[in-house]
Amino acid sequence: MSINQGWISLHRTLQESPLYRDSQAVHLWVHLLFKANHKPNKFLIGNNLIDIDIGQFVTGRKSLSAETGINESKIQRLLKLFES
């Protein structure tokens, strides 16, 4: 089974967000939604096996930048903005 199977749902109110006019912000937001686990999983970090629940995932700025083409510093700013 491919990791890319399944679907996500986006609500139209996303268009009302102040960030909607920033295409990189929307791209990163949708990318993060795609990466979120749809079932529990395990992830190896160093020598530790970490349980990852539904809706969670492990990533970093460099990975997100390579996957989206968005500059690492912009990703860092957007992630802080999303968190707030």
C-alpha atoms as a PDB file:
ATOM      1  CA  MET A   1       0.000   0.000   0.000  1.00  0.00           C
ATOM      2  CA  SER A   2       1.327   3.409  -0.962  1.00  0.00           C
ATOM      3  CA  ILE A   3       1.851   6.057   1.695  1.00  0.00           C
ATOM      4  CA  ASN A   4       0.086   8.544  -0.624  1.00  0.00           C
ATOM      5  CA  GLN A   5      -3.308   6.844  -0.568  1.00  0.00           C
ATOM      6  CA  GLY A   6      -6.339   8.503   0.951  1.00  0.00           C
ATOM      7  CA  TRP A   7      -7.673  12.008   0.925  1.00  0.00           C
ATOM      8  CA  ILE A   8      -7.881  15.124   3.052  1.00  0.00           C
ATOM      9  CA  SER A   9     -10.711  17.615   3.348  1.00  0.00           C
ATOM     10  CA  LEU A  10     -10.202  21.384   3.146  1.00  0.00           C
ATOM     11  CA  HIS A  11     -12.823  23.787   4.410  1.00  0.00           C
ATOM     12  CA  ARG A  12     -13.623  26.816   2.257  1.00  0.00           C
ATOM     13  CA  THR A  13     -13.006  29.125   5.231  1.00  0.00           C
ATOM     14  CA  LEU A  14      -9.291  28.656   4.499  1.00  0.00           C
ATOM     15  CA  GLN A  15      -9.882  31.362   1.877  1.00  0.00           C
ATOM     16  CA  GLU A  16     -10.776  33.803   4.670  1.00  0.00           C
ATOM     17  CA  SER A  17      -7.394  33.435   6.376  1.00  0.00           C
ATOM     18  CA  PRO A  18      -5.012  36.408   6.100  1.00  0.00           C
ATOM     19  CA  LEU A  19      -2.392  33.884   4.963  1.00  0.00           C
ATOM     20  CA  TYR A  20      -4.451  32.745   1.984  1.00  0.00           C
ATOM     21  CA  ARG A  21      -2.899  35.409  -0.255  1.00  0.00           C
ATOM     22  CA  ASP A  22       0.586  34.034   0.512  1.00  0.00           C
ATOM     23  CA  SER A  23       0.845  31.102  -1.894  1.00  0.00           C
ATOM     24  CA  GLN A  24       3.862  29.639  -0.072  1.00  0.00           C
ATOM     25  CA  ALA A  25       1.963  29.676   3.234  1.00  0.00           C
ATOM     26  CA  VAL A  26      -0.976  27.830   1.657  1.00  0.00           C
ATOM     27  CA  HIS A  27       1.408  25.400  -0.059  1.00  0.00           C
ATOM     28  CA  LEU A  28       3.171  24.622   3.227  1.00  0.00           C
ATOM     29  CA  TRP A  29      -0.150  24.300   5.119  1.00  0.00           C
ATOM     30  CA  VAL A  30      -1.531  21.788   2.596  1.00  0.00           C
ATOM     31  CA  HIS A  31       1.801  19.925   2.528  1.00  0.00           C
ATOM     32  CA  LEU A  32       1.686  19.583   6.327  1.00  0.00           C
ATOM     33  CA  LEU A  33      -1.862  18.234   6.087  1.00  0.00           C
ATOM     34  CA  PHE A  34      -0.700  15.664   3.510  1.00  0.00           C
ATOM     35  CA  LYS A  35       2.180  14.559   5.767  1.00  0.00           C
ATOM     36  CA  ALA A  36       0.022  14.005   8.861  1.00  0.00           C
ATOM     37  CA  ASN A  37      -0.464  10.328   9.725  1.00  0.00           C
ATOM     38  CA  HIS A  38      -3.902   8.893   9.069  1.00  0.00           C
ATOM     39  CA  LYS A  39      -3.145   5.922  11.343  1.00  0.00           C
ATOM     40  CA  PRO A  40      -0.762   5.378  14.285  1.00  0.00           C
ATOM     41  CA  ASN A  41       2.823   4.665  13.283  1.00  0.00           C
ATOM     42  CA  LYS A  42       6.335   4.286  14.697  1.00  0.00           C
ATOM     43  CA  PHE A  43       9.363   6.381  13.760  1.00  0.00           C
ATOM     44  CA  LEU A  44      13.046   5.757  14.497  1.00  0.00           C
ATOM     45  CA  ILE A  45      14.969   8.784  15.780  1.00  0.00           C
ATOM     46  CA  GLY A  46      18.553   7.867  16.589  1.00  0.00           C
ATOM     47  CA  ASN A  47      18.213   4.689  18.649  1.00  0.00           C
ATOM     48  CA  ASN A  48      14.732   5.516  19.942  1.00  0.00           C
ATOM     49  CA  LEU A  49      11.498   4.175  18.494  1.00  0.00           C
ATOM     50  CA  ILE A  50       8.843   6.889  18.832  1.00  0.00           C
ATOM     51  CA  ASP A  51       5.082   6.308  18.634  1.00  0.00           C
ATOM     52  CA  ILE A  52       3.424   8.742  16.231  1.00  0.00           C
ATOM     53  CA  ASP A  53      -0.340   9.178  16.603  1.00  0.00           C
ATOM     54  CA  ILE A  54      -2.964  10.122  14.053  1.00  0.00           C
ATOM     55  CA  GLY A  55      -2.404  13.700  12.880  1.00  0.00           C
ATOM     56  CA  GLN A  56       1.265  13.743  13.907  1.00  0.00           C
ATOM     57  CA  PHE A  57       4.476  13.402  11.897  1.00  0.00           C
ATOM     58  CA  VAL A  58       8.209  13.992  12.243  1.00  0.00           C
ATOM     59  CA  THR A  59       9.987  16.409   9.926  1.00  0.00           C
ATOM     60  CA  GLY A  60      12.419  19.296   9.876  1.00  0.00           C
ATOM     61  CA  ARG A  61      13.012  22.583   8.069  1.00  0.00           C
ATOM     62  CA  LYS A  62      15.500  21.059   5.632  1.00  0.00           C
ATOM     63  CA  SER A  63      13.122  18.233   4.697  1.00  0.00           C
ATOM     64  CA  LEU A  64      10.189  20.596   4.285  1.00  0.00           C
ATOM     65  CA  SER A  65      12.311  22.902   2.149  1.00  0.00           C
ATOM     66  CA  ALA A  66      13.425  20.047  -0.112  1.00  0.00           C
ATOM     67  CA  GLU A  67       9.862  18.726  -0.418  1.00  0.00           C
ATOM     68  CA  THR A  68       8.173  22.078  -1.117  1.00  0.00           C
ATOM     69  CA  GLY A  69      10.860  24.272  -2.675  1.00  0.00           C
ATOM     70  CA  ILE A  70      10.246  26.922  -0.013  1.00  0.00           C
ATOM     71  CA  ASN A  71      13.305  28.573   1.574  1.00  0.00           C
ATOM     72  CA  GLU A  72      14.210  27.187   5.047  1.00  0.00           C
ATOM     73  CA  SER A  73      14.012  30.597   6.719  1.00  0.00           C
ATOM     74  CA  LYS A  74      10.512  31.188   5.287  1.00  0.00           C
ATOM     75  CA  ILE A  75       9.467  27.724   6.501  1.00  0.00           C
ATOM     76  CA  GLN A  76      10.714  28.563   9.988  1.00  0.00           C
ATOM     77  CA  ARG A  77       8.765  31.871  10.001  1.00  0.00           C
ATOM     78  CA  LEU A  78       5.601  30.203   8.696  1.00  0.00           C
ATOM     79  CA  LEU A  79       5.778  27.342  11.228  1.00  0.00           C
ATOM     80  CA  LYS A  80       6.062  29.864  14.075  1.00  0.00           C
ATOM     81  CA  LEU A  81       3.119  31.768  12.608  1.00  0.00           C
ATOM     82  CA  PHE A  82       1.043  28.580  12.255  1.00  0.00           C
ATOM     83  CA  GLU A  83       1.871  27.642  15.851  1.00  0.00           C
ATOM     84  CA  SER A  84       0.710  31.010  17.191  1.00  0.00           C
END
